[in-house]
Protein backbone atom coordinates (compact mmCIF):
# COMPACT_ATOMS: atom_id res chain seq x y z
CA MET A 1 9.75 -7.69 7.62
CA ARG A 2 8.11 -11.07 7.13
CA ALA A 3 9.60 -12.11 10.46
CA ARG A 4 8.10 -9.03 12.12
CA VAL A 5 4.68 -9.72 10.58
CA ARG A 6 4.75 -13.32 11.77
CA ALA A 7 5.79 -12.19 15.24
CA VAL A 8 2.84 -9.76 15.38
CA LEU A 9 0.48 -12.53 14.25
CA ALA A 10 1.83 -14.91 16.89
CA GLN A 11 1.45 -12.20 19.54
CA THR A 12 -2.14 -11.63 18.40
CA GLU A 13 -2.94 -15.32 18.75
CA ALA A 14 -1.57 -15.35 22.28
CA GLU A 15 -3.27 -12.12 23.38
CA HIS A 16 -6.71 -13.05 22.04
CA ASP A 17 -6.53 -16.86 22.45
CA VAL A 18 -7.30 -17.48 18.77
CA GLN A 19 -5.81 -19.36 15.83
CA ILE A 20 -5.02 -17.39 12.68
CA VAL A 21 -5.85 -19.57 9.68
CA PHE A 22 -4.94 -17.06 6.97
CA ALA A 23 -2.88 -13.87 6.71
CA CYS A 24 -2.08 -11.90 3.55
CA GLU A 25 -1.19 -8.51 2.07
CA SER A 26 -4.11 -6.41 0.84
CA GLY A 27 -2.57 -3.09 -0.30
CA SER A 28 0.08 -2.02 -2.78
CA ARG A 29 2.30 -4.97 -1.90
CA GLY A 30 -0.53 -7.30 -2.85
CA TRP A 31 -1.25 -5.26 -5.97
CA GLY A 32 2.34 -5.72 -7.10
CA PHE A 33 3.78 -2.20 -7.24
CA ALA A 34 5.00 -1.41 -3.74
CA LEU A 35 8.03 0.76 -3.10
CA PRO A 36 10.63 0.30 -0.34
CA ASP A 37 8.82 2.95 1.72
CA SER A 38 5.34 1.43 1.19
CA ASP A 39 3.64 0.27 4.35
CA TYR A 40 2.40 -3.27 4.98
CA ASP A 41 -1.37 -3.87 4.99
CA VAL A 42 -1.80 -7.26 6.66
CA ARG A 43 -5.26 -8.83 6.79
CA PHE A 44 -6.09 -12.10 8.50
CA LEU A 45 -8.87 -14.55 9.40
CA TYR A 46 -8.98 -16.20 12.81
CA VAL A 47 -10.89 -18.84 14.78
CA HIS A 48 -11.84 -18.89 18.46
CA LYS A 49 -12.22 -21.91 20.70
CA PRO A 50 -15.68 -23.56 20.59
CA GLU A 51 -16.94 -21.97 23.82
CA TRP A 52 -16.59 -18.49 22.28
CA TYR A 53 -19.41 -19.37 19.87
CA LEU A 54 -21.79 -20.51 22.64
CA ARG A 55 -22.91 -17.12 23.93
CA VAL A 56 -26.23 -15.31 23.90
CA GLU A 57 -24.62 -12.05 22.81
CA SER A 58 -22.14 -12.14 19.95
CA PRO A 59 -18.74 -10.79 21.08
CA ARG A 60 -16.60 -8.46 18.99
CA ASP A 61 -15.59 -10.18 15.76
CA VAL A 62 -12.72 -7.95 14.57
CA ILE A 63 -9.16 -7.63 15.83
CA GLU A 64 -7.32 -4.41 15.01
CA LYS A 65 -3.73 -3.87 16.02
CA PRO A 66 -2.37 -0.36 16.63
CA VAL A 67 -1.22 1.12 13.32
CA ASP A 68 2.27 2.51 12.91
CA ALA A 69 4.04 4.08 9.94
CA GLU A 70 5.15 0.69 8.66
CA LEU A 71 2.48 -1.85 9.59
CA ASP A 72 -1.34 -1.97 9.52
CA VAL A 73 -2.80 -5.25 10.82
CA CYS A 74 -6.50 -6.15 10.99
CA GLY A 75 -8.40 -9.44 11.14
CA TRP A 76 -11.91 -10.87 10.86
CA GLU A 77 -13.32 -13.73 12.90
CA TRP A 78 -14.13 -16.86 10.87
CA ARG A 79 -17.93 -16.84 11.33
CA LYS A 80 -17.96 -13.17 10.32
CA ALA A 81 -15.93 -14.02 7.23
CA LEU A 82 -18.31 -16.79 6.22
CA GLY A 83 -21.27 -14.45 6.68
CA LEU A 84 -19.58 -11.90 4.45
CA LEU A 85 -18.88 -14.60 1.88
CA LYS A 86 -22.57 -15.51 1.87
CA ARG A 87 -23.30 -11.89 0.96
CA ALA A 88 -20.66 -12.01 -1.80
CA ASN A 89 -18.36 -9.50 -0.08
CA PRO A 90 -15.78 -8.46 -2.73
CA THR A 91 -13.13 -7.46 -0.18
CA LEU A 92 -12.95 -10.94 1.31
CA ILE A 93 -12.86 -12.54 -2.13
CA ASP A 94 -10.06 -10.13 -3.05
CA TRP A 95 -7.98 -11.22 -0.04
CA LEU A 96 -8.24 -14.85 -1.16
CA ASP A 97 -6.33 -13.97 -4.35
CA SER A 98 -3.46 -12.15 -2.62
CA PRO A 99 -0.05 -13.15 -4.01
CA VAL A 100 1.59 -12.38 -0.64
CA ILE A 101 0.56 -14.88 2.03
CA TYR A 102 2.24 -14.89 5.43
CA GLN A 103 0.58 -18.03 6.76
CA GLN A 104 -2.42 -20.21 6.05
CA ASP A 105 -4.14 -23.50 6.78
CA GLU A 106 -3.82 -25.01 3.31
CA GLU A 107 -6.78 -27.42 3.50
CA LEU A 108 -9.12 -24.92 5.12
CA MET A 109 -8.29 -22.13 2.70
CA ALA A 110 -8.75 -24.43 -0.28
CA ASP A 111 -12.29 -25.03 0.97
CA LEU A 112 -12.89 -21.31 1.41
CA ARG A 113 -11.53 -20.40 -2.03
CA ALA A 114 -13.76 -22.98 -3.65
CA MET A 115 -16.73 -21.36 -1.91
CA GLY A 116 -15.50 -17.92 -2.97
CA ASP A 117 -16.01 -18.94 -6.59
CA ARG A 118 -19.46 -20.30 -5.75
CA PHE A 119 -20.67 -17.16 -3.96
CA PHE A 120 -19.09 -14.53 -6.20
CA SER A 121 -21.69 -12.02 -7.47
CA PRO A 122 -20.71 -9.97 -10.55
CA GLU A 123 -23.44 -7.42 -9.79
CA ARG A 124 -22.36 -6.75 -6.22
CA ALA A 125 -18.67 -6.77 -7.12
CA ARG A 126 -19.25 -4.30 -9.95
CA TRP A 127 -21.16 -1.98 -7.62
CA HIS A 128 -18.44 -2.28 -4.96
CA TYR A 129 -15.56 -1.41 -7.29
CA ARG A 130 -17.42 1.35 -9.10
CA SER A 131 -18.35 2.97 -5.76
CA MET A 132 -14.75 2.71 -4.57
CA ALA A 133 -13.46 4.38 -7.74
CA HIS A 134 -16.03 7.16 -7.53
CA LYS A 135 -15.23 7.94 -3.88
CA ASN A 136 -11.47 7.90 -4.37
CA PHE A 137 -11.61 10.01 -7.53
CA HIS A 138 -13.59 12.78 -5.88
CA TYR A 139 -11.58 12.60 -2.67
CA TYR A 140 -8.03 12.39 -4.01
CA LEU A 141 -7.85 13.58 -7.64
CA GLN A 142 -9.59 16.94 -7.88
CA SER A 143 -6.59 19.28 -7.43
CA ASP A 144 -4.19 20.43 -10.11
CA GLU A 145 -1.43 18.61 -8.21
CA VAL A 146 -2.25 15.11 -6.94
CA ARG A 147 -0.42 12.27 -5.22
CA LEU A 148 0.63 9.90 -7.97
CA LYS A 149 -0.18 6.75 -5.99
CA LYS A 150 -3.83 7.84 -5.63
CA TYR A 151 -4.41 7.28 -9.33
CA PHE A 152 -4.13 3.57 -8.64
CA TYR A 153 -6.82 3.81 -5.96
CA VAL A 154 -9.15 4.75 -8.84
CA LEU A 155 -7.65 2.86 -11.77
CA ARG A 156 -7.59 -0.53 -10.06
CA PRO A 157 -11.31 -0.61 -9.17
CA LEU A 158 -12.29 0.74 -12.60
CA LEU A 159 -10.27 -1.97 -14.33
CA ALA A 160 -11.89 -4.48 -11.98
CA VAL A 161 -15.29 -3.31 -13.28
CA ARG A 162 -14.07 -3.92 -16.83
CA TRP A 163 -12.82 -7.37 -15.87
CA ILE A 164 -16.18 -8.29 -14.36
CA GLU A 165 -18.14 -6.94 -17.32
CA ALA A 166 -16.02 -9.11 -19.64
CA GLY A 167 -17.36 -12.16 -17.79
CA LYS A 168 -13.99 -13.17 -16.33
CA GLY A 169 -15.21 -13.68 -12.76
CA ALA A 170 -13.56 -12.21 -9.67
CA PRO A 171 -10.86 -9.67 -10.57
CA PRO A 172 -7.26 -10.58 -9.71
CA MET A 173 -5.53 -8.66 -6.93
CA ARG A 174 -2.34 -8.10 -8.93
CA PHE A 175 -2.53 -4.91 -10.97
CA ASP A 176 -0.42 -6.23 -13.86
CA ARG A 177 -2.83 -9.12 -14.47
CA LEU A 178 -5.78 -6.78 -14.24
CA LEU A 179 -4.18 -4.33 -16.66
CA GLU A 180 -3.24 -7.02 -19.15
CA GLY A 181 -6.78 -8.38 -19.19
CA THR A 182 -8.62 -5.05 -19.60
CA VAL A 183 -6.53 -2.45 -21.47
CA GLN A 184 -5.28 -2.81 -25.03
CA ALA A 185 -2.19 -1.13 -26.47
CA GLY A 186 -2.64 2.59 -27.00
CA PRO A 187 -2.42 5.99 -25.25
CA LEU A 188 -4.14 4.79 -22.07
CA LEU A 189 -1.80 1.84 -21.59
CA GLU A 190 1.20 4.07 -22.31
CA ASP A 191 0.06 6.66 -19.78
CA ILE A 192 -0.49 4.02 -17.09
CA ALA A 193 2.99 2.61 -17.79
CA GLU A 194 4.48 6.11 -17.46
CA LEU A 195 2.59 6.63 -14.21
CA LEU A 196 3.90 3.34 -12.80
CA SER A 197 7.42 4.31 -13.73
CA ALA A 198 7.04 7.77 -12.18
CA LYS A 199 5.63 6.29 -8.99
CA GLN A 200 8.52 3.86 -8.68
CA ARG A 201 11.03 6.66 -9.11
CA ALA A 202 9.31 9.16 -6.84
CA GLY A 203 8.14 7.25 -3.77
CA GLU A 204 4.87 7.06 -1.88
CA ALA A 205 4.36 10.75 -1.10
CA GLN A 206 5.27 12.27 -4.48
CA PHE A 207 2.86 14.78 -6.02
CA GLY A 208 2.55 15.54 -9.71
CA PRO A 209 0.29 17.36 -12.18
CA ARG A 210 -3.03 15.89 -13.20
CA ARG A 211 -2.77 13.53 -16.17
CA PRO A 212 -5.34 14.45 -18.86
CA VAL A 213 -5.45 11.00 -20.50
CA LEU A 214 -6.11 9.26 -17.20
CA HIS A 215 -8.65 11.86 -16.09
CA ALA A 216 -10.57 11.51 -19.34
CA PHE A 217 -10.61 7.73 -18.98
CA ILE A 218 -11.72 7.86 -15.34
CA GLU A 219 -14.53 10.34 -15.99
CA HIS A 220 -15.77 8.30 -18.95
CA GLU A 221 -15.71 5.04 -17.01
CA LEU A 222 -17.44 6.49 -13.97
CA THR A 223 -20.25 7.83 -16.12
CA ARG A 224 -20.55 4.61 -18.07
CA ALA A 225 -20.29 2.30 -15.09
CA GLU A 226 -22.95 3.88 -12.88
CA VAL A 227 -25.00 1.11 -11.29
CA THR A 228 -27.29 0.42 -8.36
CA LEU A 229 -26.58 -2.16 -5.72
CA ALA A 230 -28.09 -5.53 -6.54
CA PRO A 231 -29.47 -7.70 -3.73
CA PRO A 232 -27.29 -10.53 -2.45
CA PRO A 233 -27.45 -13.60 -4.69
CA HIS A 234 -30.15 -16.02 -3.58
CA LYS A 235 -28.35 -19.30 -2.98
CA ASN A 236 -29.53 -22.04 -0.68
CA ASP A 237 -26.01 -22.88 0.41
CA ASP A 238 -26.20 -22.01 4.10
CA ALA A 239 -25.62 -25.67 4.93
CA LEU A 240 -22.23 -25.56 3.18
CA LEU A 241 -21.15 -22.53 5.18
CA ASP A 242 -22.48 -24.02 8.43
CA ALA A 243 -20.56 -27.24 7.73
CA LEU A 244 -17.34 -25.32 7.09
CA LEU A 245 -17.84 -23.32 10.29
CA PHE A 246 -18.41 -26.48 12.34
CA LYS A 247 -15.46 -28.28 10.72
CA THR A 248 -13.14 -25.35 11.41
CA VAL A 249 -14.17 -24.59 14.99
CA MET A 250 -14.33 -28.19 16.13
CA GLY A 251 -11.26 -29.18 14.17
CA LYS A 252 -9.19 -26.44 15.78
CA ALA A 253 -10.43 -27.60 19.19
CA ALA A 254 -9.06 -31.10 18.67
């Protein structure tokens, strides 16, 4: 499958005349509990040639490949990514911690990760993850029978809120690290472990009864964690982002 992903990325570069500087997993395979039938959620960052940036009207800055049952591929243009980083976008920062990387420019991504730490905003990240948990809980987990995998669409962001509130910085992408750093031994940890085991036995589409311990935890955390969106952090670091944009675009043109 890695060979197929790399082939799709190479085809994307050729079709759009871009260079992909980073490509990773962002879904369950990045979280660390994928099953053989889990799909692949590939996310990437790419750079155009210098002349692309010299236009009055900004062209489209996202590339989305047709989705099939096995593979979902989407990428953001580099200037877009830096703009999102300036606004402390948690999704981009999450990608930078992915344990599954298909390709990357090592030097360039080291620069970007260093800036990710600089621009991380606990307030905006907390709002982002709490909102994600709230939406997924009310969309996926209101029936008596629910898809087991959907619990993790709520648990992961709620544990990310706990991680942030503990002052640990940006939450890790891997669920096991997040769990270890936020949940102590007890009924909740046992129920999550049972859910992980059931998911691994059952597959992606398996339904099961609602789990009272998890529901009680989710409802408590959603009530406790309610927040309003804070403004973007005020940092006078535009020059750093501009320099990285110039270095990347002109360096790839050489």
